[in-house]
N, C-alpha and C. Protein backbone atom coordinates (compact mmCIF):
# COMPACT_ATOMS: atom_id res chain seq x y z
N MET A 1 -178.89 257.66 -163.89
CA MET A 1 -178.63 256.24 -163.70
C MET A 1 -178.89 255.84 -162.26
N ILE A 2 -178.44 256.64 -161.30
CA ILE A 2 -178.65 256.33 -159.88
C ILE A 2 -180.14 256.27 -159.58
N ASP A 3 -180.91 257.24 -160.08
CA ASP A 3 -182.35 257.25 -159.85
C ASP A 3 -182.99 255.98 -160.40
N THR A 4 -182.56 255.55 -161.56
CA THR A 4 -183.10 254.34 -162.17
C THR A 4 -182.78 253.13 -161.30
N LEU A 5 -181.56 253.07 -160.76
CA LEU A 5 -181.19 251.95 -159.88
C LEU A 5 -182.05 251.94 -158.62
N ILE A 6 -182.27 253.10 -158.04
CA ILE A 6 -183.10 253.19 -156.84
C ILE A 6 -184.52 252.75 -157.14
N ILE A 7 -185.06 253.22 -158.25
CA ILE A 7 -186.41 252.83 -158.64
C ILE A 7 -186.49 251.34 -158.88
N PHE A 8 -185.51 250.79 -159.60
CA PHE A 8 -185.54 249.36 -159.89
C PHE A 8 -185.44 248.55 -158.61
N GLU A 9 -184.56 248.95 -157.69
CA GLU A 9 -184.43 248.21 -156.43
C GLU A 9 -185.71 248.30 -155.62
N THR A 10 -186.34 249.44 -155.61
CA THR A 10 -187.61 249.59 -154.89
C THR A 10 -188.66 248.67 -155.50
N LEU A 11 -188.74 248.67 -156.83
CA LEU A 11 -189.69 247.78 -157.50
C LEU A 11 -189.37 246.31 -157.23
N ALA A 12 -188.09 245.97 -157.19
CA ALA A 12 -187.69 244.59 -156.90
C ALA A 12 -188.11 244.21 -155.49
N ASN A 13 -187.95 245.13 -154.55
CA ASN A 13 -188.37 244.86 -153.17
C ASN A 13 -189.88 244.66 -153.08
N VAL A 14 -190.63 245.48 -153.79
CA VAL A 14 -192.08 245.32 -153.82
C VAL A 14 -192.42 243.97 -154.44
N ASN A 15 -191.68 243.60 -155.46
CA ASN A 15 -191.92 242.35 -156.17
C ASN A 15 -191.81 241.14 -155.23
N THR A 16 -190.93 241.21 -154.26
CA THR A 16 -190.78 240.07 -153.34
C THR A 16 -192.04 239.85 -152.53
N PHE A 17 -192.87 240.88 -152.39
CA PHE A 17 -194.11 240.75 -151.65
C PHE A 17 -195.28 240.32 -152.53
N LEU A 18 -195.07 240.30 -153.81
CA LEU A 18 -196.14 239.96 -154.74
C LEU A 18 -196.15 238.46 -155.02
N LYS A 19 -196.41 237.68 -154.02
CA LYS A 19 -196.42 236.22 -154.19
C LYS A 19 -197.41 235.85 -155.29
N GLY A 20 -196.89 235.29 -156.34
CA GLY A 20 -197.74 234.88 -157.45
C GLY A 20 -198.19 236.02 -158.35
N GLY A 21 -197.76 237.24 -158.07
CA GLY A 21 -198.15 238.38 -158.90
C GLY A 21 -197.24 238.49 -160.11
N ASN A 22 -197.37 239.57 -160.82
CA ASN A 22 -196.52 239.81 -161.98
C ASN A 22 -195.07 239.97 -161.55
N ARG A 23 -194.19 239.35 -162.27
CA ARG A 23 -192.77 239.47 -161.99
C ARG A 23 -192.26 240.75 -162.64
N LEU A 24 -191.46 241.48 -161.92
CA LEU A 24 -190.91 242.71 -162.48
C LEU A 24 -189.64 242.45 -163.26
N PHE A 25 -188.91 241.39 -162.89
CA PHE A 25 -187.72 241.01 -163.61
C PHE A 25 -188.08 239.90 -164.56
N SER A 26 -187.70 240.04 -165.81
CA SER A 26 -188.00 239.02 -166.81
C SER A 26 -186.79 238.11 -167.01
N TYR A 27 -186.86 236.91 -166.43
CA TYR A 27 -185.79 235.95 -166.62
C TYR A 27 -185.71 235.56 -168.09
N LYS A 28 -186.86 235.53 -168.76
CA LYS A 28 -186.87 235.17 -170.18
C LYS A 28 -186.03 236.14 -171.00
N LYS A 29 -186.12 237.43 -170.69
CA LYS A 29 -185.31 238.41 -171.42
C LYS A 29 -183.83 238.17 -171.17
N TYR A 30 -183.49 237.84 -169.92
CA TYR A 30 -182.10 237.50 -169.60
C TYR A 30 -181.66 236.28 -170.41
N ALA A 31 -182.49 235.22 -170.39
CA ALA A 31 -182.14 233.98 -171.09
C ALA A 31 -182.00 234.21 -172.59
N ASP A 32 -182.87 235.05 -173.15
CA ASP A 32 -182.77 235.37 -174.58
C ASP A 32 -181.44 236.05 -174.91
N LEU A 33 -181.05 237.02 -174.08
CA LEU A 33 -179.76 237.70 -174.30
C LEU A 33 -178.60 236.72 -174.16
N ARG A 34 -178.67 235.88 -173.14
CA ARG A 34 -177.61 234.89 -172.91
C ARG A 34 -177.48 233.96 -174.11
N ASN A 35 -178.60 233.49 -174.61
CA ASN A 35 -178.58 232.58 -175.75
C ASN A 35 -178.08 233.27 -177.02
N LYS A 36 -178.50 234.52 -177.25
CA LYS A 36 -178.04 235.26 -178.42
C LYS A 36 -176.53 235.47 -178.38
N LYS A 37 -176.01 235.69 -177.17
CA LYS A 37 -174.57 235.90 -177.02
C LYS A 37 -173.81 234.57 -177.06
N GLY A 38 -174.55 233.46 -176.91
CA GLY A 38 -173.93 232.13 -176.96
C GLY A 38 -173.08 231.80 -175.75
N VAL A 39 -173.54 232.24 -174.57
CA VAL A 39 -172.81 231.97 -173.34
C VAL A 39 -173.68 231.17 -172.38
N THR A 40 -173.04 230.58 -171.39
CA THR A 40 -173.74 229.81 -170.37
C THR A 40 -173.93 230.67 -169.12
N ASP A 41 -174.76 230.19 -168.20
CA ASP A 41 -174.91 230.88 -166.91
C ASP A 41 -173.56 230.97 -166.20
N TYR A 42 -172.77 229.93 -166.32
CA TYR A 42 -171.44 229.93 -165.68
C TYR A 42 -170.58 231.07 -166.23
N GLU A 43 -170.58 231.25 -167.55
CA GLU A 43 -169.79 232.33 -168.15
C GLU A 43 -170.31 233.70 -167.74
N VAL A 44 -171.64 233.84 -167.70
CA VAL A 44 -172.23 235.11 -167.25
C VAL A 44 -171.80 235.37 -165.81
N SER A 45 -171.88 234.35 -164.98
CA SER A 45 -171.50 234.48 -163.58
C SER A 45 -170.05 234.90 -163.43
N LYS A 46 -169.19 234.24 -164.18
CA LYS A 46 -167.75 234.53 -164.12
C LYS A 46 -167.45 235.97 -164.52
N ASN A 47 -168.17 236.48 -165.51
CA ASN A 47 -167.91 237.83 -166.03
C ASN A 47 -168.65 238.95 -165.31
N THR A 48 -169.68 238.61 -164.53
CA THR A 48 -170.47 239.64 -163.86
C THR A 48 -170.36 239.58 -162.34
N GLY A 49 -169.94 238.45 -161.81
CA GLY A 49 -169.91 238.30 -160.36
C GLY A 49 -171.24 237.89 -159.76
N VAL A 50 -172.24 237.65 -160.60
CA VAL A 50 -173.54 237.18 -160.13
C VAL A 50 -173.48 235.66 -160.05
N PRO A 51 -173.57 235.08 -158.85
CA PRO A 51 -173.44 233.62 -158.72
C PRO A 51 -174.47 232.85 -159.54
N THR A 52 -174.09 231.69 -160.02
CA THR A 52 -175.02 230.85 -160.79
C THR A 52 -176.23 230.47 -159.94
N SER A 53 -176.02 230.29 -158.65
CA SER A 53 -177.15 229.95 -157.76
C SER A 53 -178.17 231.09 -157.73
N THR A 54 -177.69 232.31 -157.81
CA THR A 54 -178.59 233.47 -157.84
C THR A 54 -179.39 233.47 -159.14
N LEU A 55 -178.73 233.18 -160.24
CA LEU A 55 -179.43 233.10 -161.53
C LEU A 55 -180.51 232.02 -161.48
N SER A 56 -180.18 230.88 -160.88
CA SER A 56 -181.15 229.78 -160.74
C SER A 56 -182.34 230.19 -159.88
N ASN A 57 -182.07 230.92 -158.81
CA ASN A 57 -183.15 231.38 -157.93
C ASN A 57 -184.06 232.37 -158.65
N TRP A 58 -183.49 233.21 -159.49
CA TRP A 58 -184.31 234.13 -160.29
C TRP A 58 -185.19 233.35 -161.25
N LYS A 59 -184.60 232.33 -161.88
CA LYS A 59 -185.35 231.52 -162.83
C LYS A 59 -186.54 230.85 -162.16
N ALA A 60 -186.31 230.35 -160.94
CA ALA A 60 -187.36 229.65 -160.20
C ALA A 60 -188.35 230.62 -159.55
N GLY A 61 -188.03 231.92 -159.58
CA GLY A 61 -188.91 232.90 -158.97
C GLY A 61 -188.82 232.97 -157.45
N ARG A 62 -187.74 232.41 -156.89
CA ARG A 62 -187.58 232.42 -155.44
C ARG A 62 -187.15 233.78 -154.91
N TYR A 63 -186.42 234.52 -155.71
CA TYR A 63 -185.91 235.83 -155.29
C TYR A 63 -186.07 236.84 -156.40
N ALA A 64 -186.24 238.08 -156.00
CA ALA A 64 -186.21 239.19 -156.95
C ALA A 64 -184.79 239.72 -156.97
N PRO A 65 -184.26 239.99 -158.14
CA PRO A 65 -182.88 240.48 -158.23
C PRO A 65 -182.71 241.86 -157.60
N LYS A 66 -181.56 242.09 -157.04
CA LYS A 66 -181.20 243.41 -156.51
C LYS A 66 -180.65 244.25 -157.67
N ALA A 67 -180.78 245.55 -157.51
CA ALA A 67 -180.42 246.48 -158.59
C ALA A 67 -178.96 246.35 -159.01
N ASP A 68 -178.05 246.12 -158.06
CA ASP A 68 -176.64 246.03 -158.43
C ASP A 68 -176.36 244.83 -159.32
N LYS A 69 -177.08 243.75 -159.10
CA LYS A 69 -176.90 242.55 -159.93
C LYS A 69 -177.48 242.78 -161.33
N ILE A 70 -178.64 243.43 -161.38
CA ILE A 70 -179.23 243.76 -162.68
C ILE A 70 -178.32 244.70 -163.44
N ASN A 71 -177.73 245.65 -162.74
CA ASN A 71 -176.81 246.59 -163.38
C ASN A 71 -175.61 245.85 -163.96
N SER A 72 -175.08 244.86 -163.24
CA SER A 72 -173.96 244.06 -163.74
C SER A 72 -174.34 243.32 -165.01
N LEU A 73 -175.54 242.74 -165.02
CA LEU A 73 -176.00 242.04 -166.22
C LEU A 73 -176.20 243.00 -167.38
N ALA A 74 -176.80 244.15 -167.08
CA ALA A 74 -177.04 245.16 -168.13
C ALA A 74 -175.72 245.61 -168.75
N ASP A 75 -174.72 245.87 -167.91
CA ASP A 75 -173.41 246.27 -168.43
C ASP A 75 -172.81 245.17 -169.30
N TYR A 76 -172.90 243.94 -168.83
CA TYR A 76 -172.32 242.80 -169.55
C TYR A 76 -172.96 242.62 -170.93
N PHE A 77 -174.30 242.75 -170.98
CA PHE A 77 -175.01 242.53 -172.24
C PHE A 77 -175.17 243.80 -173.06
N GLY A 78 -174.78 244.96 -172.51
CA GLY A 78 -174.89 246.21 -173.25
C GLY A 78 -176.31 246.70 -173.42
N VAL A 79 -177.14 246.50 -172.38
CA VAL A 79 -178.52 246.98 -172.40
C VAL A 79 -178.75 247.83 -171.14
N THR A 80 -179.90 248.47 -171.08
CA THR A 80 -180.25 249.22 -169.87
C THR A 80 -180.89 248.28 -168.86
N ILE A 81 -180.93 248.69 -167.59
CA ILE A 81 -181.57 247.83 -166.60
C ILE A 81 -183.08 247.75 -166.85
N GLU A 82 -183.63 248.78 -167.46
CA GLU A 82 -185.06 248.75 -167.78
C GLU A 82 -185.40 247.63 -168.75
N TYR A 83 -184.45 247.24 -169.56
CA TYR A 83 -184.66 246.16 -170.52
C TYR A 83 -185.18 244.90 -169.83
N PHE A 84 -184.72 244.64 -168.62
CA PHE A 84 -185.07 243.40 -167.91
C PHE A 84 -186.42 243.46 -167.22
N MET A 85 -187.06 244.62 -167.22
CA MET A 85 -188.36 244.72 -166.57
C MET A 85 -189.46 244.24 -167.49
N GLU A 86 -190.45 243.60 -166.89
CA GLU A 86 -191.61 243.16 -167.68
C GLU A 86 -192.59 244.28 -167.84
C-alpha cells in the first residue's frame, strides 16, 4: 500500500507539469462514485477531510490530488487508489 501511495504521489506530481496533457486523476470516476452513493461534495468533504474547494480545483484541473487525499477518498468509497487513475 505504501509503495502504491508513493507511486501515485509521484505520478500526481508529474501530472502537475503536464499542462494540457493526460490527467492521471479521473474526476469523472470520482463523480460517478459520488453519484452512485447519492452524496454531495459537501458530504464527501465532511467524511474524508478533503475540502470542497479542493474537490472543485480537481474538477477544474487546477491541481493534481495528493496521494493522502486520494487515499481518503478510496477508503470512503471502498475502492483502491488505482481506481481513480486514468
